[in-house]
Each structure stands twice: as C-alpha cells, then as structure tokens.
Amino acid sequence: MKATGIVRKVDELGRIVLPIELRRTLDINIKDPVEIYVDGDFIMLKKYEPACVFCGSAKDVTEINGKNVCAKCLNEIKKL
C-alpha cells in the first residue's frame, strides 16, 4: 500500500471527502459506486466495477437475471 500523506476527518454523519486529485487519478466521478473492503484494521475503497460471477472478469459484462456474466462465459454457457 502506498501512503498519500492526505488526512481527512470523519464528520458527524461518518463521511469523509475523497480529494479531487485521488478521484481524478482513480476515475471516480459523482454518483459512482465505491466498494468498501476491510482487512484487519485497514479500510480500502475501490471504484466498483461489476464483474462476472463465474470468472471475475469486468470486461464486457452483461446483467442476466440480476447476475453479471461476461461475454466469454456467456458463450461457454450457450455451448452446454
């Protein structure tokens, strides 16, 4: 993990502001979903990208009955 040197306070509603420099670098825009991960006492934020439920790929994903499936896995399913 790389330290940024940026420190922010949590407000009374539990929110923090992500600095514009980080949002630009990570391509996080207004209303973009962000995933929250916890590893011990670390909290990690990651821009949410829907991934295939079978292989985990985030490339060329389509939602089918509420599940994300990539084109490659969809083609494999069609062969069955």
PDB file of N, CA and C in Angstrom:
ATOM      1  N   MET A   1       0.836  -1.175   0.000  1.00  0.00           N
ATOM      2  CA  MET A   1       0.000   0.000   0.000  1.00  0.00           C
ATOM      3  C   MET A   1       0.878   1.234   0.000  1.00  0.00           C
ATOM      4  N   LYS A   2       0.423   2.267  -0.680  1.00  0.00           N
ATOM      5  CA  LYS A   2       1.200   3.495  -0.815  1.00  0.00           C
ATOM      6  C   LYS A   2       0.528   4.621  -0.027  1.00  0.00           C
ATOM      7  N   ALA A   3       1.267   5.283   0.836  1.00  0.00           N
ATOM      8  CA  ALA A   3       0.730   6.402   1.616  1.00  0.00           C
ATOM      9  C   ALA A   3       0.615   7.637   0.730  1.00  0.00           C
ATOM     10  N   THR A   4      -0.488   8.383   0.895  1.00  0.00           N
ATOM     11  CA  THR A   4      -0.691   9.605   0.117  1.00  0.00           C
ATOM     12  C   THR A   4      -0.307  10.845   0.904  1.00  0.00           C
ATOM     13  N   GLY A   5      -0.266  10.732   2.217  1.00  0.00           N
ATOM     14  CA  GLY A   5       0.017  11.894   3.048  1.00  0.00           C
ATOM     15  C   GLY A   5      -1.211  12.761   3.277  1.00  0.00           C
ATOM     16  N   ILE A   6      -2.359  12.327   2.765  1.00  0.00           N
ATOM     17  CA  ILE A   6      -3.601  13.082   2.910  1.00  0.00           C
ATOM     18  C   ILE A   6      -4.343  12.578   4.140  1.00  0.00           C
ATOM     19  N   VAL A   7      -4.775  13.503   4.990  1.00  0.00           N
ATOM     20  CA  VAL A   7      -5.528  13.154   6.196  1.00  0.00           C
ATOM     21  C   VAL A   7      -6.852  13.902   6.155  1.00  0.00           C
ATOM     22  N   ARG A   8      -7.932  13.209   6.404  1.00  0.00           N
ATOM     23  CA  ARG A   8      -9.262  13.804   6.441  1.00  0.00           C
ATOM     24  C   ARG A   8      -9.960  13.385   7.725  1.00  0.00           C
ATOM     25  N   LYS A   9     -10.809  14.272   8.254  1.00  0.00           N
ATOM     26  CA  LYS A   9     -11.592  13.948   9.447  1.00  0.00           C
ATOM     27  C   LYS A   9     -12.940  13.377   9.036  1.00  0.00           C
ATOM     28  N   VAL A  10     -13.454  12.484   9.867  1.00  0.00           N
ATOM     29  CA  VAL A  10     -14.783  11.927   9.670  1.00  0.00           C
ATOM     30  C   VAL A  10     -15.786  12.917  10.263  1.00  0.00           C
ATOM     31  N   ASP A  11     -16.840  13.271   9.488  1.00  0.00           N
ATOM     32  CA  ASP A  11     -17.816  14.221  10.016  1.00  0.00           C
ATOM     33  C   ASP A  11     -18.826  13.512  10.913  1.00  0.00           C
ATOM     34  N   GLU A  12     -19.785  14.272  11.450  1.00  0.00           N
ATOM     35  CA  GLU A  12     -20.739  13.722  12.414  1.00  0.00           C
ATOM     36  C   GLU A  12     -21.654  12.653  11.815  1.00  0.00           C
ATOM     37  N   LEU A  13     -21.735  12.569  10.483  1.00  0.00           N
ATOM     38  CA  LEU A  13     -22.535  11.527   9.829  1.00  0.00           C
ATOM     39  C   LEU A  13     -21.676  10.351   9.362  1.00  0.00           C
ATOM     40  N   GLY A  14     -20.378  10.362   9.707  1.00  0.00           N
ATOM     41  CA  GLY A  14     -19.493   9.263   9.349  1.00  0.00           C
ATOM     42  C   GLY A  14     -18.898   9.373   7.961  1.00  0.00           C
ATOM     43  N   ARG A  15     -18.982  10.548   7.347  1.00  0.00           N
ATOM     44  CA  ARG A  15     -18.490  10.732   5.976  1.00  0.00           C
ATOM     45  C   ARG A  15     -17.085  11.296   5.960  1.00  0.00           C
ATOM     46  N   ILE A  16     -16.376  10.970   4.884  1.00  0.00           N
ATOM     47  CA  ILE A  16     -15.091  11.610   4.604  1.00  0.00           C
ATOM     48  C   ILE A  16     -15.142  12.093   3.157  1.00  0.00           C
ATOM     49  N   VAL A  17     -14.334  13.079   2.845  1.00  0.00           N
ATOM     50  CA  VAL A  17     -14.263  13.596   1.482  1.00  0.00           C
ATOM     51  C   VAL A  17     -13.008  13.037   0.823  1.00  0.00           C
ATOM     52  N   LEU A  18     -13.187  12.429  -0.356  1.00  0.00           N
ATOM     53  CA  LEU A  18     -12.038  11.961  -1.135  1.00  0.00           C
ATOM     54  C   LEU A  18     -11.527  13.151  -1.949  1.00  0.00           C
ATOM     55  N   PRO A  19     -10.271  13.488  -1.797  1.00  0.00           N
ATOM     56  CA  PRO A  19      -9.730  14.647  -2.511  1.00  0.00           C
ATOM     57  C   PRO A  19      -9.857  14.494  -4.028  1.00  0.00           C
ATOM     58  N   ILE A  20     -10.071  15.614  -4.704  1.00  0.00           N
ATOM     59  CA  ILE A  20     -10.266  15.617  -6.148  1.00  0.00           C
ATOM     60  C   ILE A  20      -9.098  14.966  -6.885  1.00  0.00           C
ATOM     61  N   GLU A  21      -7.892  15.124  -6.371  1.00  0.00           N
ATOM     62  CA  GLU A  21      -6.724  14.522  -7.022  1.00  0.00           C
ATOM     63  C   GLU A  21      -6.846  13.000  -7.068  1.00  0.00           C
ATOM     64  N   LEU A  22      -7.292  12.411  -5.962  1.00  0.00           N
ATOM     65  CA  LEU A  22      -7.477  10.962  -5.918  1.00  0.00           C
ATOM     66  C   LEU A  22      -8.627  10.526  -6.814  1.00  0.00           C
ATOM     67  N   ARG A  23      -9.731  11.291  -6.785  1.00  0.00           N
ATOM     68  CA  ARG A  23     -10.870  10.923  -7.624  1.00  0.00           C
ATOM     69  C   ARG A  23     -10.510  10.996  -9.101  1.00  0.00           C
ATOM     70  N   ARG A  24      -9.737  11.980  -9.478  1.00  0.00           N
ATOM     71  CA  ARG A  24      -9.310  12.078 -10.883  1.00  0.00           C
ATOM     72  C   ARG A  24      -8.378  10.938 -11.250  1.00  0.00           C
ATOM     73  N   THR A  25      -7.421  10.652 -10.384  1.00  0.00           N
ATOM     74  CA  THR A  25      -6.460   9.572 -10.634  1.00  0.00           C
ATOM     75  C   THR A  25      -7.156   8.227 -10.766  1.00  0.00           C
ATOM     76  N   LEU A  26      -8.149   7.984  -9.923  1.00  0.00           N
ATOM     77  CA  LEU A  26      -8.834   6.696  -9.895  1.00  0.00           C
ATOM     78  C   LEU A  26     -10.112   6.683 -10.734  1.00  0.00           C
ATOM     79  N   ASP A  27     -10.372   7.781 -11.464  1.00  0.00           N
ATOM     80  CA  ASP A  27     -11.552   7.902 -12.327  1.00  0.00           C
ATOM     81  C   ASP A  27     -12.848   7.641 -11.556  1.00  0.00           C
ATOM     82  N   ILE A  28     -12.959   8.265 -10.376  1.00  0.00           N
ATOM     83  CA  ILE A  28     -14.172   8.172  -9.570  1.00  0.00           C
ATOM     84  C   ILE A  28     -14.928   9.483  -9.733  1.00  0.00           C
ATOM     85  N   ASN A  29     -16.127   9.381 -10.282  1.00  0.00           N
ATOM     86  CA  ASN A  29     -16.943  10.561 -10.554  1.00  0.00           C
ATOM     87  C   ASN A  29     -18.124  10.624  -9.595  1.00  0.00           C
ATOM     88  N   ILE A  30     -18.840  11.744  -9.615  1.00  0.00           N
ATOM     89  CA  ILE A  30     -20.019  11.923  -8.771  1.00  0.00           C
ATOM     90  C   ILE A  30     -21.004  10.800  -9.066  1.00  0.00           C
ATOM     91  N   LYS A  31     -21.548  10.210  -8.014  1.00  0.00           N
ATOM     92  CA  LYS A  31     -22.540   9.125  -8.072  1.00  0.00           C
ATOM     93  C   LYS A  31     -21.963   7.769  -8.457  1.00  0.00           C
ATOM     94  N   ASP A  32     -20.640   7.659  -8.666  1.00  0.00           N
ATOM     95  CA  ASP A  32     -20.037   6.356  -8.954  1.00  0.00           C
ATOM     96  C   ASP A  32     -20.092   5.486  -7.699  1.00  0.00           C
ATOM     97  N   PRO A  33     -20.428   4.211  -7.837  1.00  0.00           N
ATOM     98  CA  PRO A  33     -20.404   3.325  -6.675  1.00  0.00           C
ATOM     99  C   PRO A  33     -18.965   2.980  -6.282  1.00  0.00           C
ATOM    100  N   VAL A  34     -18.736   2.863  -4.986  1.00  0.00           N
ATOM    101  CA  VAL A  34     -17.416   2.535  -4.444  1.00  0.00           C
ATOM    102  C   VAL A  34     -17.572   1.344  -3.514  1.00  0.00           C
ATOM    103  N   GLU A  35     -16.725   0.328  -3.686  1.00  0.00           N
ATOM    104  CA  GLU A  35     -16.745  -0.842  -2.810  1.00  0.00           C
ATOM    105  C   GLU A  35     -15.873  -0.567  -1.591  1.00  0.00           C
ATOM    106  N   ILE A  36     -16.273  -1.128  -0.463  1.00  0.00           N
ATOM    107  CA  ILE A  36     -15.524  -0.978   0.784  1.00  0.00           C
ATOM    108  C   ILE A  36     -15.027  -2.354   1.204  1.00  0.00           C
ATOM    109  N   TYR A  37     -13.725  -2.458   1.418  1.00  0.00           N
ATOM    110  CA  TYR A  37     -13.096  -3.695   1.872  1.00  0.00           C
ATOM    111  C   TYR A  37     -12.478  -3.458   3.235  1.00  0.00           C
ATOM    112  N   VAL A  38     -12.463  -4.483   4.069  1.00  0.00           N
ATOM    113  CA  VAL A  38     -11.816  -4.412   5.377  1.00  0.00           C
ATOM    114  C   VAL A  38     -10.820  -5.556   5.470  1.00  0.00           C
ATOM    115  N   ASP A  39      -9.590  -5.224   5.879  1.00  0.00           N
ATOM    116  CA  ASP A  39      -8.541  -6.224   6.067  1.00  0.00           C
ATOM    117  C   ASP A  39      -7.868  -5.900   7.392  1.00  0.00           C
ATOM    118  N   GLY A  40      -8.275  -6.611   8.428  1.00  0.00           N
ATOM    119  CA  GLY A  40      -7.766  -6.294   9.768  1.00  0.00           C
ATOM    120  C   GLY A  40      -8.242  -4.917  10.173  1.00  0.00           C
ATOM    121  N   ASP A  41      -7.302  -4.013  10.443  1.00  0.00           N
ATOM    122  CA  ASP A  41      -7.691  -2.652  10.814  1.00  0.00           C
ATOM    123  C   ASP A  41      -7.542  -1.672   9.648  1.00  0.00           C
ATOM    124  N   PHE A  42      -7.457  -2.191   8.426  1.00  0.00           N
ATOM    125  CA  PHE A  42      -7.374  -1.349   7.232  1.00  0.00           C
ATOM    126  C   PHE A  42      -8.728  -1.294   6.535  1.00  0.00           C
ATOM    127  N   ILE A  43      -9.104  -0.125   6.070  1.00  0.00           N
ATOM    128  CA  ILE A  43     -10.294   0.065   5.243  1.00  0.00           C
ATOM    129  C   ILE A  43      -9.803   0.467   3.864  1.00  0.00           C
ATOM    130  N   MET A  44     -10.249  -0.272   2.845  1.00  0.00           N
ATOM    131  CA  MET A  44      -9.843   0.038   1.475  1.00  0.00           C
ATOM    132  C   MET A  44     -11.074   0.378   0.656  1.00  0.00           C
ATOM    133  N   LEU A  45     -10.956   1.404  -0.175  1.00  0.00           N
ATOM    134  CA  LEU A  45     -12.024   1.804  -1.069  1.00  0.00           C
ATOM    135  C   LEU A  45     -11.592   1.522  -2.496  1.00  0.00           C
ATOM    136  N   LYS A  46     -12.527   1.030  -3.315  1.00  0.00           N
ATOM    137  CA  LYS A  46     -12.225   0.722  -4.702  1.00  0.00           C
ATOM    138  C   LYS A  46     -13.437   1.081  -5.533  1.00  0.00           C
ATOM    139  N   LYS A  47     -13.212   1.714  -6.683  1.00  0.00           N
ATOM    140  CA  LYS A  47     -14.316   2.003  -7.580  1.00  0.00           C
ATOM    141  C   LYS A  47     -14.959   0.676  -7.969  1.00  0.00           C
ATOM    142  N   TYR A  48     -16.268   0.624  -7.829  1.00  0.00           N
ATOM    143  CA  TYR A  48     -16.988  -0.616  -8.117  1.00  0.00           C
ATOM    144  C   TYR A  48     -17.086  -0.832  -9.615  1.00  0.00           C
ATOM    145  N   GLU A  49     -16.690  -2.001 -10.049  1.00  0.00           N
ATOM    146  CA  GLU A  49     -16.859  -2.415 -11.430  1.00  0.00           C
ATOM    147  C   GLU A  49     -17.521  -3.786 -11.393  1.00  0.00           C
ATOM    148  N   PRO A  50     -18.723  -3.893 -11.972  1.00  0.00           N
ATOM    149  CA  PRO A  50     -19.395  -5.187 -11.947  1.00  0.00           C
ATOM    150  C   PRO A  50     -18.542  -6.255 -12.610  1.00  0.00           C
ATOM    151  N   ALA A  51     -18.473  -7.417 -11.998  1.00  0.00           N
ATOM    152  CA  ALA A  51     -17.634  -8.499 -12.513  1.00  0.00           C
ATOM    153  C   ALA A  51     -18.473  -9.746 -12.738  1.00  0.00           C
ATOM    154  N   CYS A  52     -17.993 -10.586 -13.609  1.00  0.00           N
ATOM    155  CA  CYS A  52     -18.654 -11.856 -13.946  1.00  0.00           C
ATOM    156  C   CYS A  52     -18.690 -12.764 -12.712  1.00  0.00           C
ATOM    157  N   VAL A  53     -19.851 -13.360 -12.462  1.00  0.00           N
ATOM    158  CA  VAL A  53     -19.988 -14.243 -11.303  1.00  0.00           C
ATOM    159  C   VAL A  53     -19.216 -15.549 -11.484  1.00  0.00           C
ATOM    160  N   PHE A  54     -18.876 -15.894 -12.717  1.00  0.00           N
ATOM    161  CA  PHE A  54     -18.165 -17.143 -12.976  1.00  0.00           C
ATOM    162  C   PHE A  54     -16.646 -16.978 -12.960  1.00  0.00           C
ATOM    163  N   CYS A  55     -16.134 -15.970 -13.668  1.00  0.00           N
ATOM    164  CA  CYS A  55     -14.676 -15.854 -13.802  1.00  0.00           C
ATOM    165  C   CYS A  55     -14.092 -14.607 -13.136  1.00  0.00           C
ATOM    166  N   GLY A  56     -14.933 -13.649 -12.766  1.00  0.00           N
ATOM    167  CA  GLY A  56     -14.451 -12.443 -12.099  1.00  0.00           C
ATOM    168  C   GLY A  56     -14.011 -11.343 -13.043  1.00  0.00           C
ATOM    169  N   SER A  57     -14.108 -11.554 -14.335  1.00  0.00           N
ATOM    170  CA  SER A  57     -13.708 -10.535 -15.316  1.00  0.00           C
ATOM    171  C   SER A  57     -14.682  -9.363 -15.289  1.00  0.00           C
ATOM    172  N   ALA A  58     -14.163  -8.152 -15.449  1.00  0.00           N
ATOM    173  CA  ALA A  58     -15.010  -6.962 -15.502  1.00  0.00           C
ATOM    174  C   ALA A  58     -15.161  -6.463 -16.937  1.00  0.00           C
ATOM    175  N   LYS A  59     -14.663  -7.242 -17.898  1.00  0.00           N
ATOM    176  CA  LYS A  59     -14.692  -6.836 -19.303  1.00  0.00           C
ATOM    177  C   LYS A  59     -15.936  -7.385 -19.997  1.00  0.00           C
ATOM    178  N   ASP A  60     -16.676  -6.506 -20.677  1.00  0.00           N
ATOM    179  CA  ASP A  60     -17.832  -6.896 -21.498  1.00  0.00           C
ATOM    180  C   ASP A  60     -18.855  -7.684 -20.684  1.00  0.00           C
ATOM    181  N   VAL A  61     -19.306  -7.089 -19.562  1.00  0.00           N
ATOM    182  CA  VAL A  61     -20.232  -7.758 -18.639  1.00  0.00           C
ATOM    183  C   VAL A  61     -21.675  -7.359 -18.945  1.00  0.00           C
ATOM    184  N   THR A  62     -22.566  -8.342 -18.911  1.00  0.00           N
ATOM    185  CA  THR A  62     -23.995  -8.133 -19.110  1.00  0.00           C
ATOM    186  C   THR A  62     -24.727  -8.677 -17.895  1.00  0.00           C
ATOM    187  N   GLU A  63     -25.785  -7.977 -17.483  1.00  0.00           N
ATOM    188  CA  GLU A  63     -26.577  -8.463 -16.346  1.00  0.00           C
ATOM    189  C   GLU A  63     -27.685  -9.375 -16.858  1.00  0.00           C
ATOM    190  N   ILE A  64     -27.756 -10.571 -16.299  1.00  0.00           N
ATOM    191  CA  ILE A  64     -28.782 -11.543 -16.657  1.00  0.00           C
ATOM    192  C   ILE A  64     -29.442 -12.029 -15.374  1.00  0.00           C
ATOM    193  N   ASN A  65     -30.727 -11.759 -15.232  1.00  0.00           N
ATOM    194  CA  ASN A  65     -31.476 -12.138 -14.023  1.00  0.00           C
ATOM    195  C   ASN A  65     -30.769 -11.688 -12.748  1.00  0.00           C
ATOM    196  N   GLY A  66     -30.239 -10.468 -12.760  1.00  0.00           N
ATOM    197  CA  GLY A  66     -29.592  -9.910 -11.585  1.00  0.00           C
ATOM    198  C   GLY A  66     -28.168 -10.373 -11.353  1.00  0.00           C
ATOM    199  N   LYS A  67     -27.626 -11.167 -12.259  1.00  0.00           N
ATOM    200  CA  LYS A  67     -26.248 -11.668 -12.139  1.00  0.00           C
ATOM    201  C   LYS A  67     -25.425 -11.144 -13.310  1.00  0.00           C
ATOM    202  N   ASN A  68     -24.174 -10.794 -13.046  1.00  0.00           N
ATOM    203  CA  ASN A  68     -23.272 -10.306 -14.082  1.00  0.00           C
ATOM    204  C   ASN A  68     -22.533 -11.469 -14.728  1.00  0.00           C
ATOM    205  N   VAL A  69     -22.578 -11.505 -16.069  1.00  0.00           N
ATOM    206  CA  VAL A  69     -21.918 -12.574 -16.826  1.00  0.00           C
ATOM    207  C   VAL A  69     -21.161 -11.923 -17.979  1.00  0.00           C
ATOM    208  N   CYS A  70     -19.884 -12.285 -18.134  1.00  0.00           N
ATOM    209  CA  CYS A  70     -19.093 -11.725 -19.232  1.00  0.00           C
ATOM    210  C   CYS A  70     -19.412 -12.466 -20.530  1.00  0.00           C
ATOM    211  N   ALA A  71     -19.029 -11.883 -21.652  1.00  0.00           N
ATOM    212  CA  ALA A  71     -19.318 -12.455 -22.962  1.00  0.00           C
ATOM    213  C   ALA A  71     -18.676 -13.827 -23.130  1.00  0.00           C
ATOM    214  N   LYS A  72     -17.463 -13.989 -22.626  1.00  0.00           N
ATOM    215  CA  LYS A  72     -16.758 -15.262 -22.760  1.00  0.00           C
ATOM    216  C   LYS A  72     -17.516 -16.388 -22.039  1.00  0.00           C
ATOM    217  N   CYS A  73     -17.933 -16.136 -20.800  1.00  0.00           N
ATOM    218  CA  CYS A  73     -18.664 -17.151 -20.039  1.00  0.00           C
ATOM    219  C   CYS A  73     -20.047 -17.387 -20.641  1.00  0.00           C
ATOM    220  N   LEU A  74     -20.658 -16.328 -21.149  1.00  0.00           N
ATOM    221  CA  LEU A  74     -21.955 -16.470 -21.788  1.00  0.00           C
ATOM    222  C   LEU A  74     -21.863 -17.400 -22.992  1.00  0.00           C
ATOM    223  N   ASN A  75     -20.810 -17.252 -23.773  1.00  0.00           N
ATOM    224  CA  ASN A  75     -20.586 -18.141 -24.916  1.00  0.00           C
ATOM    225  C   ASN A  75     -20.371 -19.583 -24.466  1.00  0.00           C
ATOM    226  N   GLU A  76     -19.629 -19.769 -23.365  1.00  0.00           N
ATOM    227  CA  GLU A  76     -19.391 -21.112 -22.831  1.00  0.00           C
ATOM    228  C   GLU A  76     -20.713 -21.748 -22.373  1.00  0.00           C
ATOM    229  N   ILE A  77     -21.578 -20.946 -21.760  1.00  0.00           N
ATOM    230  CA  ILE A  77     -22.865 -21.440 -21.277  1.00  0.00           C
ATOM    231  C   ILE A  77     -23.742 -21.867 -22.458  1.00  0.00           C
ATOM    232  N   LYS A  78     -23.697 -21.076 -23.516  1.00  0.00           N
ATOM    233  CA  LYS A  78     -24.505 -21.395 -24.702  1.00  0.00           C
ATOM    234  C   LYS A  78     -24.096 -22.723 -25.331  1.00  0.00           C
ATOM    235  N   LYS A  79     -22.841 -23.118 -25.164  1.00  0.00           N
ATOM    236  CA  LYS A  79     -22.346 -24.368 -25.727  1.00  0.00           C
ATOM    237  C   LYS A  79     -22.868 -25.595 -24.988  1.00  0.00           C
ATOM    238  N   LEU A  80     -23.305 -25.394 -23.725  1.00  0.00           N
ATOM    239  CA  LEU A  80     -23.760 -26.529 -22.895  1.00  0.00           C
ATOM    240  C   LEU A  80     -25.071 -27.107 -23.367  1.00  0.00           C
TER     241      LEU A  80
END
